[in-house]
């Protein structure tokens, strides 16, 4: 397992880990397209994040969770090499278009 502390993490734009402060723990979502109607939570049995929290402290949104590195039907997170991740930040606390986004390399 790994602990990741970022605002939003993507796995090749197919799956998303996202949360909204004050509206429960972060969840895993399917990203079926750019329209908000295409973003749907994964089934309950695929909601495998551990210790998932999101909060705002001093105007900074902090999302924390532990994710398994290898899950059926998901992109494996390598413990020996580079992992390309995406982050995104929206306009407000509603799910929707992201005003800024980019990728980063996570090496474990």
N, C-alpha and C. Protein backbone atom coordinates (compact mmCIF):
# COMPACT_ATOMS: atom_id res chain seq x y z
N UNK A 1 0.84 -1.18 0.00
CA UNK A 1 0.00 0.00 0.00
C UNK A 1 0.88 1.24 0.00
N UNK A 2 0.36 2.34 -0.52
CA UNK A 2 1.07 3.60 -0.49
C UNK A 2 0.15 4.68 0.06
N UNK A 3 0.73 5.68 0.62
CA UNK A 3 -0.02 6.85 1.07
C UNK A 3 0.28 7.98 0.10
N UNK A 4 -0.76 8.58 -0.45
CA UNK A 4 -0.59 9.70 -1.38
C UNK A 4 -1.30 10.91 -0.79
N UNK A 5 -0.67 12.05 -0.84
CA UNK A 5 -1.24 13.27 -0.30
C UNK A 5 -1.24 14.33 -1.39
N UNK A 6 -2.28 14.38 -2.19
CA UNK A 6 -2.41 15.37 -3.24
C UNK A 6 -3.87 15.73 -3.38
N UNK A 7 -4.14 16.79 -4.13
CA UNK A 7 -5.51 17.23 -4.29
C UNK A 7 -6.34 16.22 -5.07
N UNK A 8 -5.87 15.83 -6.24
CA UNK A 8 -6.58 14.84 -7.05
C UNK A 8 -5.55 14.00 -7.79
N UNK A 9 -5.78 12.71 -7.86
CA UNK A 9 -4.88 11.82 -8.59
C UNK A 9 -5.68 11.08 -9.64
N UNK A 10 -5.12 10.94 -10.80
CA UNK A 10 -5.75 10.22 -11.89
C UNK A 10 -4.91 9.02 -12.26
N UNK A 11 -5.51 8.01 -12.84
CA UNK A 11 -4.80 6.90 -13.46
C UNK A 11 -5.14 6.89 -14.94
N UNK A 12 -4.34 7.52 -15.75
CA UNK A 12 -4.52 7.60 -17.20
C UNK A 12 -5.91 8.11 -17.61
N UNK A 13 -6.45 9.01 -16.85
CA UNK A 13 -7.73 9.66 -17.14
C UNK A 13 -8.91 8.70 -17.25
N UNK A 14 -8.77 7.51 -16.71
CA UNK A 14 -9.87 6.55 -16.73
C UNK A 14 -10.53 6.49 -15.37
N UNK A 15 -9.74 6.61 -14.35
CA UNK A 15 -10.26 6.56 -12.99
C UNK A 15 -9.77 7.78 -12.24
N UNK A 16 -10.52 8.20 -11.26
CA UNK A 16 -10.22 9.41 -10.54
C UNK A 16 -10.47 9.19 -9.06
N UNK A 17 -9.64 9.82 -8.26
CA UNK A 17 -9.86 9.86 -6.82
C UNK A 17 -10.20 11.30 -6.50
N UNK A 18 -11.36 11.54 -5.94
CA UNK A 18 -11.78 12.91 -5.76
C UNK A 18 -12.61 13.05 -4.49
N UNK A 19 -12.62 14.26 -3.95
CA UNK A 19 -13.42 14.53 -2.77
C UNK A 19 -13.77 15.99 -2.68
N UNK A 20 -14.82 16.27 -1.93
CA UNK A 20 -15.27 17.64 -1.70
C UNK A 20 -15.33 17.87 -0.20
N UNK A 21 -14.62 18.88 0.30
CA UNK A 21 -14.64 19.13 1.75
C UNK A 21 -16.06 19.26 2.28
N UNK A 22 -16.32 18.62 3.41
CA UNK A 22 -17.63 18.70 4.05
C UNK A 22 -18.67 17.76 3.47
N UNK A 23 -18.31 16.97 2.46
CA UNK A 23 -19.28 16.07 1.83
C UNK A 23 -18.82 14.62 1.86
N UNK A 24 -18.18 14.21 2.93
CA UNK A 24 -17.76 12.82 3.08
C UNK A 24 -16.34 12.58 2.61
N UNK A 25 -15.95 11.33 2.68
CA UNK A 25 -14.58 10.94 2.34
C UNK A 25 -14.37 10.91 0.82
N UNK A 26 -13.12 11.09 0.38
CA UNK A 26 -12.81 10.95 -1.05
C UNK A 26 -13.23 9.57 -1.56
N UNK A 27 -13.60 9.51 -2.83
CA UNK A 27 -14.03 8.26 -3.45
C UNK A 27 -13.32 8.08 -4.78
N UNK A 28 -13.46 6.88 -5.33
CA UNK A 28 -12.95 6.58 -6.65
C UNK A 28 -14.11 6.72 -7.65
N UNK A 29 -13.82 7.34 -8.81
CA UNK A 29 -14.83 7.60 -9.84
C UNK A 29 -14.39 7.06 -11.18
N UNK A 30 -15.37 6.70 -12.01
CA UNK A 30 -15.12 6.45 -13.43
C UNK A 30 -15.22 7.78 -14.15
N UNK A 31 -14.33 8.03 -15.09
CA UNK A 31 -14.39 9.22 -15.92
C UNK A 31 -14.76 8.78 -17.33
N UNK A 32 -16.05 8.90 -17.65
CA UNK A 32 -16.53 8.45 -18.96
C UNK A 32 -16.49 9.52 -20.02
N UNK A 33 -16.14 10.74 -19.66
CA UNK A 33 -16.08 11.85 -20.60
C UNK A 33 -15.88 13.15 -19.85
N UNK A 34 -15.90 14.27 -20.58
CA UNK A 34 -15.66 15.58 -19.97
C UNK A 34 -16.90 16.15 -19.29
N UNK A 35 -18.08 15.70 -19.70
CA UNK A 35 -19.31 16.21 -19.12
C UNK A 35 -19.50 15.63 -17.72
N UNK A 36 -20.01 16.43 -16.79
CA UNK A 36 -20.19 16.00 -15.40
C UNK A 36 -21.07 14.75 -15.30
N UNK A 37 -22.01 14.57 -16.23
CA UNK A 37 -22.88 13.39 -16.19
C UNK A 37 -22.10 12.10 -16.48
N UNK A 38 -20.90 12.22 -17.04
CA UNK A 38 -20.07 11.04 -17.35
C UNK A 38 -19.14 10.67 -16.20
N UNK A 39 -19.17 11.44 -15.12
CA UNK A 39 -18.32 11.17 -13.95
C UNK A 39 -19.21 10.52 -12.89
N UNK A 40 -18.98 9.23 -12.66
CA UNK A 40 -19.83 8.48 -11.73
C UNK A 40 -18.97 7.71 -10.72
N UNK A 41 -19.43 7.63 -9.47
CA UNK A 41 -18.67 6.87 -8.47
C UNK A 41 -18.57 5.40 -8.86
N UNK A 42 -17.44 4.80 -8.54
CA UNK A 42 -17.28 3.35 -8.73
C UNK A 42 -18.22 2.62 -7.78
N UNK A 43 -18.47 1.36 -8.08
CA UNK A 43 -19.32 0.53 -7.25
C UNK A 43 -18.76 0.44 -5.83
N UNK A 44 -19.62 0.17 -4.87
CA UNK A 44 -19.23 0.09 -3.46
C UNK A 44 -18.05 -0.84 -3.25
N UNK A 45 -18.05 -2.01 -3.89
CA UNK A 45 -16.97 -2.97 -3.69
C UNK A 45 -15.63 -2.49 -4.25
N UNK A 46 -15.63 -1.47 -5.11
CA UNK A 46 -14.39 -0.91 -5.65
C UNK A 46 -13.92 0.32 -4.87
N UNK A 47 -14.70 0.74 -3.88
CA UNK A 47 -14.32 1.87 -3.03
C UNK A 47 -13.37 1.35 -1.95
N UNK A 48 -12.11 1.18 -2.30
CA UNK A 48 -11.13 0.52 -1.44
C UNK A 48 -10.13 1.47 -0.79
N UNK A 49 -10.34 2.77 -0.90
CA UNK A 49 -9.42 3.70 -0.25
C UNK A 49 -9.50 3.52 1.26
N UNK A 50 -8.36 3.61 1.91
CA UNK A 50 -8.30 3.48 3.37
C UNK A 50 -7.93 4.81 3.99
N UNK A 51 -8.43 5.09 5.18
CA UNK A 51 -8.10 6.32 5.91
C UNK A 51 -8.29 7.56 5.05
N UNK A 52 -9.33 7.58 4.22
CA UNK A 52 -9.57 8.68 3.28
C UNK A 52 -10.24 9.87 3.98
N UNK A 53 -9.61 11.03 3.90
CA UNK A 53 -10.16 12.25 4.48
C UNK A 53 -9.90 13.42 3.54
N UNK A 54 -10.72 14.44 3.67
CA UNK A 54 -10.48 15.70 2.97
C UNK A 54 -10.94 16.81 3.88
N UNK A 55 -10.12 17.84 4.01
CA UNK A 55 -10.45 18.96 4.89
C UNK A 55 -9.79 20.23 4.36
N UNK A 56 -10.28 21.35 4.84
CA UNK A 56 -9.70 22.65 4.51
C UNK A 56 -9.06 23.20 5.77
N UNK A 57 -7.77 23.51 5.67
CA UNK A 57 -7.02 24.09 6.78
C UNK A 57 -6.31 25.33 6.26
N UNK A 58 -6.58 26.47 6.86
CA UNK A 58 -5.96 27.74 6.43
C UNK A 58 -6.09 27.95 4.93
N UNK A 59 -7.30 27.78 4.39
CA UNK A 59 -7.61 27.97 2.97
C UNK A 59 -6.89 27.00 2.04
N UNK A 60 -6.37 25.91 2.58
CA UNK A 60 -5.72 24.89 1.76
C UNK A 60 -6.51 23.59 1.87
N UNK A 61 -6.88 23.00 0.73
CA UNK A 61 -7.59 21.73 0.73
C UNK A 61 -6.57 20.60 0.80
N UNK A 62 -6.76 19.71 1.76
CA UNK A 62 -5.84 18.60 1.97
C UNK A 62 -6.63 17.30 1.90
N UNK A 63 -6.29 16.47 0.92
CA UNK A 63 -6.92 15.17 0.77
C UNK A 63 -5.86 14.11 1.07
N UNK A 64 -6.19 13.17 1.96
CA UNK A 64 -5.28 12.10 2.35
C UNK A 64 -5.98 10.77 2.19
N UNK A 65 -5.23 9.77 1.76
CA UNK A 65 -5.79 8.42 1.65
C UNK A 65 -4.65 7.43 1.47
N UNK A 66 -4.96 6.18 1.70
CA UNK A 66 -4.05 5.08 1.41
C UNK A 66 -4.72 4.25 0.32
N UNK A 67 -3.96 3.93 -0.73
CA UNK A 67 -4.50 3.16 -1.86
C UNK A 67 -3.64 1.93 -2.09
N UNK A 68 -4.29 0.81 -2.35
CA UNK A 68 -3.58 -0.40 -2.73
C UNK A 68 -2.86 -0.16 -4.06
N UNK A 69 -1.67 -0.72 -4.22
CA UNK A 69 -0.90 -0.50 -5.44
C UNK A 69 -1.34 -1.39 -6.59
N UNK A 70 -2.01 -2.49 -6.30
CA UNK A 70 -2.43 -3.41 -7.35
C UNK A 70 -3.85 -3.89 -7.05
N UNK A 71 -4.79 -3.44 -7.90
CA UNK A 71 -6.19 -3.83 -7.75
C UNK A 71 -6.73 -4.31 -9.09
N UNK A 72 -7.56 -5.35 -9.12
CA UNK A 72 -8.11 -5.86 -10.37
C UNK A 72 -8.81 -4.76 -11.18
N UNK A 73 -8.50 -4.70 -12.47
CA UNK A 73 -9.15 -3.74 -13.36
C UNK A 73 -8.64 -2.32 -13.25
N UNK A 74 -7.58 -2.10 -12.47
CA UNK A 74 -7.02 -0.76 -12.32
C UNK A 74 -5.55 -0.77 -12.72
N UNK A 75 -5.05 0.38 -13.06
CA UNK A 75 -3.65 0.52 -13.44
C UNK A 75 -2.79 0.31 -12.19
N UNK A 76 -1.81 -0.59 -12.30
CA UNK A 76 -0.95 -0.88 -11.15
C UNK A 76 -0.01 0.29 -10.88
N UNK A 77 0.18 0.60 -9.62
CA UNK A 77 1.15 1.62 -9.20
C UNK A 77 2.44 0.88 -8.89
N UNK A 78 3.48 1.17 -9.65
CA UNK A 78 4.75 0.45 -9.53
C UNK A 78 5.50 0.85 -8.27
N UNK A 79 5.99 -0.14 -7.56
CA UNK A 79 6.80 0.14 -6.37
C UNK A 79 8.28 0.20 -6.71
N UNK A 80 8.64 -0.06 -7.98
CA UNK A 80 10.04 -0.07 -8.38
C UNK A 80 10.37 0.89 -9.51
N UNK A 81 9.41 1.62 -10.02
CA UNK A 81 9.67 2.50 -11.15
C UNK A 81 8.85 3.77 -11.07
N UNK A 82 8.85 4.48 -12.18
CA UNK A 82 8.12 5.74 -12.27
C UNK A 82 6.63 5.50 -12.53
N UNK A 83 5.80 6.29 -11.91
CA UNK A 83 4.35 6.28 -12.12
C UNK A 83 3.95 7.67 -12.58
N UNK A 84 3.28 7.76 -13.72
CA UNK A 84 2.80 9.05 -14.21
C UNK A 84 1.42 9.30 -13.62
N UNK A 85 1.30 10.37 -12.86
CA UNK A 85 0.05 10.75 -12.21
C UNK A 85 -0.39 12.11 -12.76
N UNK A 86 -1.66 12.39 -12.63
CA UNK A 86 -2.21 13.69 -13.01
C UNK A 86 -2.85 14.33 -11.79
N UNK A 87 -2.73 15.63 -11.69
CA UNK A 87 -3.43 16.37 -10.65
C UNK A 87 -4.30 17.41 -11.34
N UNK A 88 -5.33 17.83 -10.65
CA UNK A 88 -6.22 18.85 -11.21
C UNK A 88 -6.82 19.67 -10.08
N UNK A 89 -7.06 20.95 -10.35
CA UNK A 89 -7.67 21.85 -9.38
C UNK A 89 -8.81 22.58 -10.07
N UNK A 90 -9.98 22.56 -9.43
CA UNK A 90 -11.15 23.17 -10.02
C UNK A 90 -11.35 24.62 -9.59
N UNK A 91 -12.46 25.20 -10.05
CA UNK A 91 -12.82 26.58 -9.73
C UNK A 91 -13.36 26.71 -8.31
N UNK A 92 -14.07 25.66 -7.87
CA UNK A 92 -14.73 25.70 -6.57
C UNK A 92 -14.86 24.27 -6.06
N UNK A 93 -15.72 24.02 -5.11
CA UNK A 93 -15.83 22.67 -4.53
C UNK A 93 -16.83 21.78 -5.27
N UNK A 94 -17.32 22.20 -6.43
CA UNK A 94 -18.22 21.37 -7.23
C UNK A 94 -17.42 20.54 -8.22
N UNK A 95 -17.87 19.29 -8.46
CA UNK A 95 -17.24 18.50 -9.50
C UNK A 95 -17.48 19.19 -10.83
N UNK A 96 -16.46 19.27 -11.67
CA UNK A 96 -16.62 19.91 -12.96
C UNK A 96 -15.27 20.16 -13.61
N UNK A 97 -15.27 21.08 -14.57
CA UNK A 97 -14.06 21.40 -15.33
C UNK A 97 -12.96 21.92 -14.40
N UNK A 98 -11.73 21.56 -14.69
CA UNK A 98 -10.60 21.96 -13.86
C UNK A 98 -9.86 23.13 -14.49
N UNK A 99 -9.68 24.19 -13.71
CA UNK A 99 -9.01 25.38 -14.23
C UNK A 99 -7.52 25.15 -14.45
N UNK A 100 -6.92 24.22 -13.72
CA UNK A 100 -5.51 23.91 -13.94
C UNK A 100 -5.30 22.42 -13.70
N UNK A 101 -4.38 21.85 -14.46
CA UNK A 101 -4.08 20.43 -14.35
C UNK A 101 -2.72 20.18 -14.99
N UNK A 102 -2.08 19.10 -14.58
CA UNK A 102 -0.79 18.75 -15.13
C UNK A 102 -0.45 17.34 -14.67
N UNK A 103 0.66 16.84 -15.10
CA UNK A 103 1.10 15.53 -14.67
C UNK A 103 2.37 15.65 -13.84
N UNK A 104 2.65 14.61 -13.08
CA UNK A 104 3.90 14.53 -12.35
C UNK A 104 4.32 13.07 -12.27
N UNK A 105 5.59 12.84 -12.01
CA UNK A 105 6.12 11.49 -11.90
C UNK A 105 6.30 11.16 -10.43
N UNK A 106 5.74 10.03 -10.03
CA UNK A 106 5.88 9.55 -8.67
C UNK A 106 6.74 8.30 -8.70
N UNK A 107 7.90 8.37 -8.07
CA UNK A 107 8.80 7.21 -7.97
C UNK A 107 8.80 6.71 -6.55
N UNK A 108 8.51 5.44 -6.38
CA UNK A 108 8.45 4.86 -5.04
C UNK A 108 9.73 4.11 -4.73
